[in-house]
Amino acid sequence: MIQGKTVLATISARGGSKGIPRKNIRAMAGKPLIGWAIEEGLKSKYIDRLVLSTEDEEIAEVARLCGAEIPFMRPGELASDTASGVAPVLHMLDTLPEKYDYVVLLQPTSPLRTVEDIDGCIKRCIEHDANCCISMVEASVSPYYTFHLTEDDRLKFVIEQDSYFTARQQLPDTYEPNGAVYVAKCDWIRRTQKYLTAETLAYVMPRERSLDVDDLFDFELCEMVLQKRCGL
């Protein structure tokens, strides 16, 4: 609880990972990938309850061993490749009998995120009375340095400009979601059913805690960082 507001945290972990089979329970630096999200979420001083959403019995059992609560299983249709990322959150809010003021989504694929990032994002959302706050990181490549390709493979700026050689220091800073922390008022996320809107507030995280596990290279890179952090 923070400033009298109740906070639910949910971790979404489906079993159908395509890039890395069984990714969410694959061992990373001594514990299953979902274990890193569970561990940091349980450390939060603001989260009142942490639950995990999954349709997969094996993931549920591993999550319980890591300390997560699984109040019910997620319907299979909410774990498909086409299901939206917010759908399991809405299902959790609609199915739990208790009502909360804020809901936090922690994705297992951000194992470098810390409790300081979680609580920092929650606190920023509350202090600004924002409807939503999500974690961001400075973009690794400025969109001013990116191109479309024409039909004959010639370069066309994504953002029109006179020269590619504009010094980076002269360009505006740009940011992208890093997938680590999503905080929203429960009534607002029910109404909008999305996180990215003109009302969304940013919580900026450093690049060294913003890696997202999408493929095997990402997995191995995150594992090396965690091994160094934990002295393994």
C-alpha atoms as a PDB file:
ATOM      1  CA  MET A   1       0.000   0.000   0.000  1.00  0.00           C
ATOM      2  CA  ILE A   2       1.157   3.532  -0.746  1.00  0.00           C
ATOM      3  CA  GLN A   3      -0.621   6.715   0.363  1.00  0.00           C
ATOM      4  CA  GLY A   4      -3.696   4.660   1.236  1.00  0.00           C
ATOM      5  CA  LYS A   5      -3.865   3.060  -2.228  1.00  0.00           C
ATOM      6  CA  THR A   6      -3.834  -0.719  -2.634  1.00  0.00           C
ATOM      7  CA  VAL A   7      -1.522  -2.265  -5.212  1.00  0.00           C
ATOM      8  CA  LEU A   8      -1.824  -5.621  -6.978  1.00  0.00           C
ATOM      9  CA  ALA A   9       1.125  -6.986  -8.950  1.00  0.00           C
ATOM     10  CA  THR A  10       0.693  -9.635 -11.615  1.00  0.00           C
ATOM     11  CA  ILE A  11       3.302 -11.568 -13.559  1.00  0.00           C
ATOM     12  CA  SER A  12       2.195 -12.966 -16.922  1.00  0.00           C
ATOM     13  CA  ALA A  13       3.983 -16.157 -17.991  1.00  0.00           C
ATOM     14  CA  ARG A  14       2.536 -18.265 -20.779  1.00  0.00           C
ATOM     15  CA  GLY A  15       3.888 -21.619 -21.840  1.00  0.00           C
ATOM     16  CA  GLY A  16       3.988 -21.132 -25.610  1.00  0.00           C
ATOM     17  CA  SER A  17       7.268 -19.291 -26.130  1.00  0.00           C
ATOM     18  CA  LYS A  18       8.452 -19.734 -29.714  1.00  0.00           C
ATOM     19  CA  GLY A  19      11.906 -18.103 -29.686  1.00  0.00           C
ATOM     20  CA  ILE A  20      13.162 -20.062 -26.659  1.00  0.00           C
ATOM     21  CA  PRO A  21      11.012 -23.105 -25.821  1.00  0.00           C
ATOM     22  CA  ARG A  22       9.890 -23.130 -22.162  1.00  0.00           C
ATOM     23  CA  LYS A  23      11.673 -19.807 -21.745  1.00  0.00           C
ATOM     24  CA  ASN A  24       9.863 -18.701 -18.605  1.00  0.00           C
ATOM     25  CA  ILE A  25      11.090 -21.664 -16.560  1.00  0.00           C
ATOM     26  CA  ARG A  26      14.482 -22.077 -18.183  1.00  0.00           C
ATOM     27  CA  ALA A  27      17.312 -21.739 -15.666  1.00  0.00           C
ATOM     28  CA  MET A  28      19.102 -18.394 -15.733  1.00  0.00           C
ATOM     29  CA  ALA A  29      21.995 -17.798 -13.329  1.00  0.00           C
ATOM     30  CA  GLY A  30      20.759 -20.416 -10.893  1.00  0.00           C
ATOM     31  CA  LYS A  31      16.995 -19.896 -10.948  1.00  0.00           C
ATOM     32  CA  PRO A  32      14.134 -20.074 -13.460  1.00  0.00           C
ATOM     33  CA  LEU A  33      13.606 -16.932 -15.487  1.00  0.00           C
ATOM     34  CA  ILE A  34      10.282 -16.192 -13.762  1.00  0.00           C
ATOM     35  CA  GLY A  35      12.065 -16.454 -10.417  1.00  0.00           C
ATOM     36  CA  TRP A  36      13.824 -13.128 -10.943  1.00  0.00           C
ATOM     37  CA  ALA A  37      10.534 -11.260 -11.412  1.00  0.00           C
ATOM     38  CA  ILE A  38       8.943 -13.029  -8.450  1.00  0.00           C
ATOM     39  CA  GLU A  39      11.898 -12.349  -6.168  1.00  0.00           C
ATOM     40  CA  GLU A  40      12.035  -8.622  -6.873  1.00  0.00           C
ATOM     41  CA  GLY A  41       8.246  -8.236  -6.774  1.00  0.00           C
ATOM     42  CA  LEU A  42       8.058  -9.839  -3.337  1.00  0.00           C
ATOM     43  CA  LYS A  43      10.612  -7.320  -2.036  1.00  0.00           C
ATOM     44  CA  SER A  44       8.380  -4.353  -2.875  1.00  0.00           C
ATOM     45  CA  LYS A  45       7.256  -2.191   0.025  1.00  0.00           C
ATOM     46  CA  TYR A  46       4.222  -0.970  -1.933  1.00  0.00           C
ATOM     47  CA  ILE A  47       2.790  -4.162  -3.471  1.00  0.00           C
ATOM     48  CA  ASP A  48       0.018  -5.689  -1.346  1.00  0.00           C
ATOM     49  CA  ARG A  49      -0.343  -8.921  -3.295  1.00  0.00           C
ATOM     50  CA  LEU A  50       1.684 -10.606  -6.020  1.00  0.00           C
ATOM     51  CA  VAL A  51       0.023 -13.174  -8.272  1.00  0.00           C
ATOM     52  CA  LEU A  52       1.062 -15.020 -11.393  1.00  0.00           C
ATOM     53  CA  SER A  53      -1.082 -15.571 -14.480  1.00  0.00           C
ATOM     54  CA  THR A  54      -0.417 -18.676 -16.569  1.00  0.00           C
ATOM     55  CA  GLU A  55      -2.277 -21.395 -18.461  1.00  0.00           C
ATOM     56  CA  ASP A  56       0.620 -23.827 -17.992  1.00  0.00           C
ATOM     57  CA  GLU A  57       0.647 -26.263 -15.040  1.00  0.00           C
ATOM     58  CA  GLU A  58       4.427 -26.703 -15.047  1.00  0.00           C
ATOM     59  CA  ILE A  59       5.005 -22.944 -14.989  1.00  0.00           C
ATOM     60  CA  ALA A  60       2.480 -22.654 -12.159  1.00  0.00           C
ATOM     61  CA  GLU A  61       4.313 -25.275 -10.087  1.00  0.00           C
ATOM     62  CA  VAL A  62       7.715 -23.655 -10.659  1.00  0.00           C
ATOM     63  CA  ALA A  63       6.268 -20.241  -9.792  1.00  0.00           C
ATOM     64  CA  ARG A  64       4.804 -21.585  -6.528  1.00  0.00           C
ATOM     65  CA  LEU A  65       8.219 -22.946  -5.558  1.00  0.00           C
ATOM     66  CA  CYS A  66       9.624 -19.460  -6.196  1.00  0.00           C
ATOM     67  CA  GLY A  67       7.051 -17.925  -3.850  1.00  0.00           C
ATOM     68  CA  ALA A  68       4.350 -16.725  -6.247  1.00  0.00           C
ATOM     69  CA  GLU A  69       0.622 -17.133  -5.694  1.00  0.00           C
ATOM     70  CA  ILE A  70      -1.476 -18.610  -8.513  1.00  0.00           C
ATOM     71  CA  PRO A  71      -5.106 -18.020  -7.516  1.00  0.00           C
ATOM     72  CA  PHE A  72      -6.443 -19.661 -10.711  1.00  0.00           C
ATOM     73  CA  MET A  73      -5.271 -20.740 -14.142  1.00  0.00           C
ATOM     74  CA  ARG A  74      -5.536 -18.452 -17.134  1.00  0.00           C
ATOM     75  CA  PRO A  75      -7.878 -19.486 -19.974  1.00  0.00           C
ATOM     76  CA  GLY A  76      -5.972 -20.871 -22.943  1.00  0.00           C
ATOM     77  CA  GLU A  77      -7.334 -18.256 -25.352  1.00  0.00           C
ATOM     78  CA  LEU A  78      -5.583 -15.549 -23.306  1.00  0.00           C
ATOM     79  CA  ALA A  79      -2.226 -17.290 -23.806  1.00  0.00           C
ATOM     80  CA  SER A  80      -2.181 -17.409 -27.609  1.00  0.00           C
ATOM     81  CA  ASP A  81       0.242 -15.574 -29.881  1.00  0.00           C
ATOM     82  CA  THR A  82      -2.511 -13.129 -30.799  1.00  0.00           C
ATOM     83  CA  ALA A  83      -3.730 -12.338 -27.268  1.00  0.00           C
ATOM     84  CA  SER A  84      -2.891  -8.790 -26.169  1.00  0.00           C
ATOM     85  CA  GLY A  85      -0.436  -8.202 -23.339  1.00  0.00           C
ATOM     86  CA  VAL A  86      -3.080  -6.433 -21.292  1.00  0.00           C
ATOM     87  CA  ALA A  87      -5.664  -9.244 -21.603  1.00  0.00           C
ATOM     88  CA  PRO A  88      -4.250 -11.394 -18.733  1.00  0.00           C
ATOM     89  CA  VAL A  89      -4.138  -8.308 -16.505  1.00  0.00           C
ATOM     90  CA  LEU A  90      -7.789  -7.519 -17.188  1.00  0.00           C
ATOM     91  CA  HIS A  91      -8.699 -11.168 -16.610  1.00  0.00           C
ATOM     92  CA  MET A  92      -6.923 -11.088 -13.242  1.00  0.00           C
ATOM     93  CA  LEU A  93      -8.691  -7.877 -12.194  1.00  0.00           C
ATOM     94  CA  ASP A  94     -12.094  -9.195 -13.258  1.00  0.00           C
ATOM     95  CA  THR A  95     -11.672 -12.609 -11.617  1.00  0.00           C
ATOM     96  CA  LEU A  96     -10.140 -11.769  -8.246  1.00  0.00           C
ATOM     97  CA  PRO A  97     -12.855 -11.002  -5.681  1.00  0.00           C
ATOM     98  CA  GLU A  98     -10.763  -8.288  -4.030  1.00  0.00           C
ATOM     99  CA  LYS A  99     -10.561  -4.851  -5.589  1.00  0.00           C
ATOM    100  CA  TYR A 100      -7.364  -2.819  -5.895  1.00  0.00           C
ATOM    101  CA  ASP A 101      -6.589   0.786  -6.769  1.00  0.00           C
ATOM    102  CA  TYR A 102      -3.503   0.085  -8.900  1.00  0.00           C
ATOM    103  CA  VAL A 103      -2.206  -2.892 -10.827  1.00  0.00           C
ATOM    104  CA  VAL A 104       1.446  -3.531 -11.691  1.00  0.00           C
ATOM    105  CA  LEU A 105       2.495  -5.792 -14.553  1.00  0.00           C
ATOM    106  CA  LEU A 106       5.933  -7.404 -14.266  1.00  0.00           C
ATOM    107  CA  GLN A 107       7.016  -9.361 -17.324  1.00  0.00           C
ATOM    108  CA  PRO A 108       9.364 -12.324 -16.712  1.00  0.00           C
ATOM    109  CA  THR A 109      11.438 -11.290 -19.711  1.00  0.00           C
ATOM    110  CA  SER A 110      13.027  -8.372 -17.799  1.00  0.00           C
ATOM    111  CA  PRO A 111      15.224 -10.247 -15.301  1.00  0.00           C
ATOM    112  CA  LEU A 112      17.612  -7.326 -14.693  1.00  0.00           C
ATOM    113  CA  ARG A 113      14.871  -5.096 -13.258  1.00  0.00           C
ATOM    114  CA  THR A 114      15.221  -4.514  -9.494  1.00  0.00           C
ATOM    115  CA  VAL A 115      12.791  -3.755  -6.674  1.00  0.00           C
ATOM    116  CA  GLU A 116      14.059  -0.165  -6.795  1.00  0.00           C
ATOM    117  CA  ASP A 117      12.751   0.067 -10.358  1.00  0.00           C
ATOM    118  CA  ILE A 118       9.411  -1.457  -9.371  1.00  0.00           C
ATOM    119  CA  ASP A 119       8.876   0.790  -6.360  1.00  0.00           C
ATOM    120  CA  GLY A 120      10.253   3.806  -8.207  1.00  0.00           C
ATOM    121  CA  CYS A 121       7.713   3.394 -10.998  1.00  0.00           C
ATOM    122  CA  ILE A 122       4.839   2.883  -8.541  1.00  0.00           C
ATOM    123  CA  LYS A 123       5.875   5.906  -6.494  1.00  0.00           C
ATOM    124  CA  ARG A 124       6.201   8.114  -9.569  1.00  0.00           C
ATOM    125  CA  CYS A 125       2.731   7.111 -10.747  1.00  0.00           C
ATOM    126  CA  ILE A 126       1.169   7.839  -7.356  1.00  0.00           C
ATOM    127  CA  GLU A 127       3.011  11.099  -6.699  1.00  0.00           C
ATOM    128  CA  HIS A 128       1.979  12.508 -10.079  1.00  0.00           C
ATOM    129  CA  ASP A 129      -1.556  11.119  -9.768  1.00  0.00           C
ATOM    130  CA  ALA A 130      -0.980   9.609 -13.200  1.00  0.00           C
ATOM    131  CA  ASN A 131      -3.361   7.099 -14.713  1.00  0.00           C
ATOM    132  CA  CYS A 132      -0.422   5.063 -15.950  1.00  0.00           C
ATOM    133  CA  CYS A 133       3.363   4.980 -15.668  1.00  0.00           C
ATOM    134  CA  ILE A 134       5.638   2.611 -17.572  1.00  0.00           C
ATOM    135  CA  SER A 135       9.374   2.017 -17.554  1.00  0.00           C
ATOM    136  CA  MET A 136      11.367   3.385 -20.469  1.00  0.00           C
ATOM    137  CA  VAL A 137      14.983   3.451 -21.603  1.00  0.00           C
ATOM    138  CA  GLU A 138      16.819   5.855 -23.864  1.00  0.00           C
ATOM    139  CA  ALA A 139      16.585   4.502 -27.408  1.00  0.00           C
ATOM    140  CA  SER A 140      19.733   2.688 -28.523  1.00  0.00           C
ATOM    141  CA  VAL A 141      19.361   4.112 -32.037  1.00  0.00           C
ATOM    142  CA  SER A 142      17.774   7.488 -32.611  1.00  0.00           C
ATOM    143  CA  PRO A 143      14.885   7.362 -35.102  1.00  0.00           C
ATOM    144  CA  TYR A 144      16.644  10.267 -36.794  1.00  0.00           C
ATOM    145  CA  TYR A 145      19.316   7.731 -37.783  1.00  0.00           C
ATOM    146  CA  THR A 146      16.933   5.102 -39.178  1.00  0.00           C
ATOM    147  CA  PHE A 147      15.664   4.465 -42.691  1.00  0.00           C
ATOM    148  CA  HIS A 148      12.988   2.854 -44.784  1.00  0.00           C
ATOM    149  CA  LEU A 149      14.109   1.089 -47.946  1.00  0.00           C
ATOM    150  CA  THR A 150      12.486   2.029 -51.241  1.00  0.00           C
ATOM    151  CA  GLU A 151      11.403  -0.601 -53.759  1.00  0.00           C
ATOM    152  CA  ASP A 152      14.873  -0.455 -55.350  1.00  0.00           C
ATOM    153  CA  ASP A 153      16.610  -0.639 -51.929  1.00  0.00           C
ATOM    154  CA  ARG A 154      17.567   3.008 -51.691  1.00  0.00           C
ATOM    155  CA  LEU A 155      17.554   4.787 -48.340  1.00  0.00           C
ATOM    156  CA  LYS A 156      14.671   6.971 -47.211  1.00  0.00           C
ATOM    157  CA  PHE A 157      14.755   8.697 -43.824  1.00  0.00           C
ATOM    158  CA  VAL A 158      12.075   7.600 -41.355  1.00  0.00           C
ATOM    159  CA  ILE A 159      12.121  11.217 -40.162  1.00  0.00           C
ATOM    160  CA  GLU A 160      12.842  13.570 -43.036  1.00  0.00           C
ATOM    161  CA  GLN A 161      15.965  15.701 -42.616  1.00  0.00           C
ATOM    162  CA  ASP A 162      18.675  17.300 -44.700  1.00  0.00           C
ATOM    163  CA  SER A 163      21.630  15.205 -43.616  1.00  0.00           C
ATOM    164  CA  TYR A 164      22.420  11.899 -41.918  1.00  0.00           C
ATOM    165  CA  PHE A 165      25.495  13.488 -40.415  1.00  0.00           C
ATOM    166  CA  THR A 166      23.719  15.630 -37.813  1.00  0.00           C
ATOM    167  CA  ALA A 167      25.685  15.275 -34.556  1.00  0.00           C
ATOM    168  CA  ARG A 168      23.888  13.078 -32.043  1.00  0.00           C
ATOM    169  CA  GLN A 169      24.253  15.806 -29.413  1.00  0.00           C
ATOM    170  CA  GLN A 170      22.097  18.077 -31.590  1.00  0.00           C
ATOM    171  CA  LEU A 171      19.241  15.584 -31.806  1.00  0.00           C
ATOM    172  CA  PRO A 172      16.451  15.339 -29.208  1.00  0.00           C
ATOM    173  CA  ASP A 173      16.637  12.457 -26.743  1.00  0.00           C
ATOM    174  CA  THR A 174      14.282   9.612 -27.664  1.00  0.00           C
ATOM    175  CA  TYR A 175      12.980   6.786 -25.484  1.00  0.00           C
ATOM    176  CA  GLU A 176      11.365   3.381 -25.896  1.00  0.00           C
ATOM    177  CA  PRO A 177       9.460   1.054 -23.545  1.00  0.00           C
ATOM    178  CA  ASN A 178      11.756  -1.547 -22.002  1.00  0.00           C
ATOM    179  CA  GLY A 179       8.978  -3.916 -20.876  1.00  0.00           C
ATOM    180  CA  ALA A 180      10.078  -4.039 -17.236  1.00  0.00           C
ATOM    181  CA  VAL A 181       7.345  -2.279 -15.218  1.00  0.00           C
ATOM    182  CA  TYR A 182       3.792  -1.201 -16.063  1.00  0.00           C
ATOM    183  CA  VAL A 183       1.702   0.591 -13.426  1.00  0.00           C
ATOM    184  CA  ALA A 184      -1.893   1.719 -13.980  1.00  0.00           C
ATOM    185  CA  LYS A 185      -5.015   2.683 -12.104  1.00  0.00           C
ATOM    186  CA  CYS A 186      -7.312  -0.323 -12.271  1.00  0.00           C
ATOM    187  CA  ASP A 187     -10.370   1.580 -13.467  1.00  0.00           C
ATOM    188  CA  TRP A 188      -8.291   3.366 -16.123  1.00  0.00           C
ATOM    189  CA  ILE A 189      -6.706   0.209 -17.589  1.00  0.00           C
ATOM    190  CA  ARG A 190     -10.134  -1.441 -17.682  1.00  0.00           C
ATOM    191  CA  ARG A 191     -11.451   1.511 -19.652  1.00  0.00           C
ATOM    192  CA  THR A 192      -8.560   2.048 -22.067  1.00  0.00           C
ATOM    193  CA  GLN A 193      -7.291  -1.559 -22.301  1.00  0.00           C
ATOM    194  CA  LYS A 194      -3.835  -0.268 -23.261  1.00  0.00           C
ATOM    195  CA  TYR A 195      -0.792   1.275 -21.594  1.00  0.00           C
ATOM    196  CA  LEU A 196       0.586   3.547 -24.296  1.00  0.00           C
ATOM    197  CA  THR A 197      -1.514   6.708 -24.472  1.00  0.00           C
ATOM    198  CA  ALA A 198      -0.949  10.462 -24.333  1.00  0.00           C
ATOM    199  CA  GLU A 199      -1.664  10.219 -20.585  1.00  0.00           C
ATOM    200  CA  THR A 200       1.120   7.716 -19.890  1.00  0.00           C
ATOM    201  CA  LEU A 201       3.950   8.894 -17.646  1.00  0.00           C
ATOM    202  CA  ALA A 202       7.524   7.678 -18.139  1.00  0.00           C
ATOM    203  CA  TYR A 203       9.837   6.155 -15.561  1.00  0.00           C
ATOM    204  CA  VAL A 204      13.326   6.072 -17.107  1.00  0.00           C
ATOM    205  CA  MET A 205      15.572   3.119 -16.274  1.00  0.00           C
ATOM    206  CA  PRO A 206      19.274   2.687 -17.094  1.00  0.00           C
ATOM    207  CA  ARG A 207      20.231   0.526 -20.060  1.00  0.00           C
ATOM    208  CA  GLU A 208      22.071  -1.995 -17.877  1.00  0.00           C
ATOM    209  CA  ARG A 209      18.758  -2.981 -16.241  1.00  0.00           C
ATOM    210  CA  SER A 210      16.613  -2.702 -19.371  1.00  0.00           C
ATOM    211  CA  LEU A 211      17.517  -5.792 -21.385  1.00  0.00           C
ATOM    212  CA  ASP A 212      14.515  -7.798 -22.569  1.00  0.00           C
ATOM    213  CA  VAL A 213      14.784 -11.528 -23.264  1.00  0.00           C
ATOM    214  CA  ASP A 214      13.454 -12.189 -26.748  1.00  0.00           C
ATOM    215  CA  ASP A 215      15.934 -14.695 -28.151  1.00  0.00           C
ATOM    216  CA  LEU A 216      18.821 -16.908 -27.040  1.00  0.00           C
ATOM    217  CA  PHE A 217      21.375 -14.121 -27.418  1.00  0.00           C
ATOM    218  CA  ASP A 218      19.353 -11.902 -25.054  1.00  0.00           C
ATOM    219  CA  PHE A 219      19.011 -14.810 -22.622  1.00  0.00           C
ATOM    220  CA  GLU A 220      22.735 -15.489 -22.504  1.00  0.00           C
ATOM    221  CA  LEU A 221      23.574 -11.794 -22.196  1.00  0.00           C
ATOM    222  CA  CYS A 222      21.187 -11.327 -19.256  1.00  0.00           C
ATOM    223  CA  GLU A 223      22.572 -14.449 -17.626  1.00  0.00           C
ATOM    224  CA  MET A 224      26.119 -13.080 -17.817  1.00  0.00           C
ATOM    225  CA  VAL A 225      25.011  -9.795 -16.242  1.00  0.00           C
ATOM    226  CA  LEU A 226      23.193 -11.608 -13.420  1.00  0.00           C
ATOM    227  CA  GLN A 227      26.116 -13.923 -12.780  1.00  0.00           C
ATOM    228  CA  LYS A 228      28.388 -10.897 -12.413  1.00  0.00           C
ATOM    229  CA  ARG A 229      25.854  -9.066 -10.226  1.00  0.00           C
ATOM    230  CA  CYS A 230      25.436 -12.080  -7.937  1.00  0.00           C
ATOM    231  CA  GLY A 231      29.112 -13.001  -7.903  1.00  0.00           C
ATOM    232  CA  LEU A 232      28.506 -16.399  -9.491  1.00  0.00           C
END
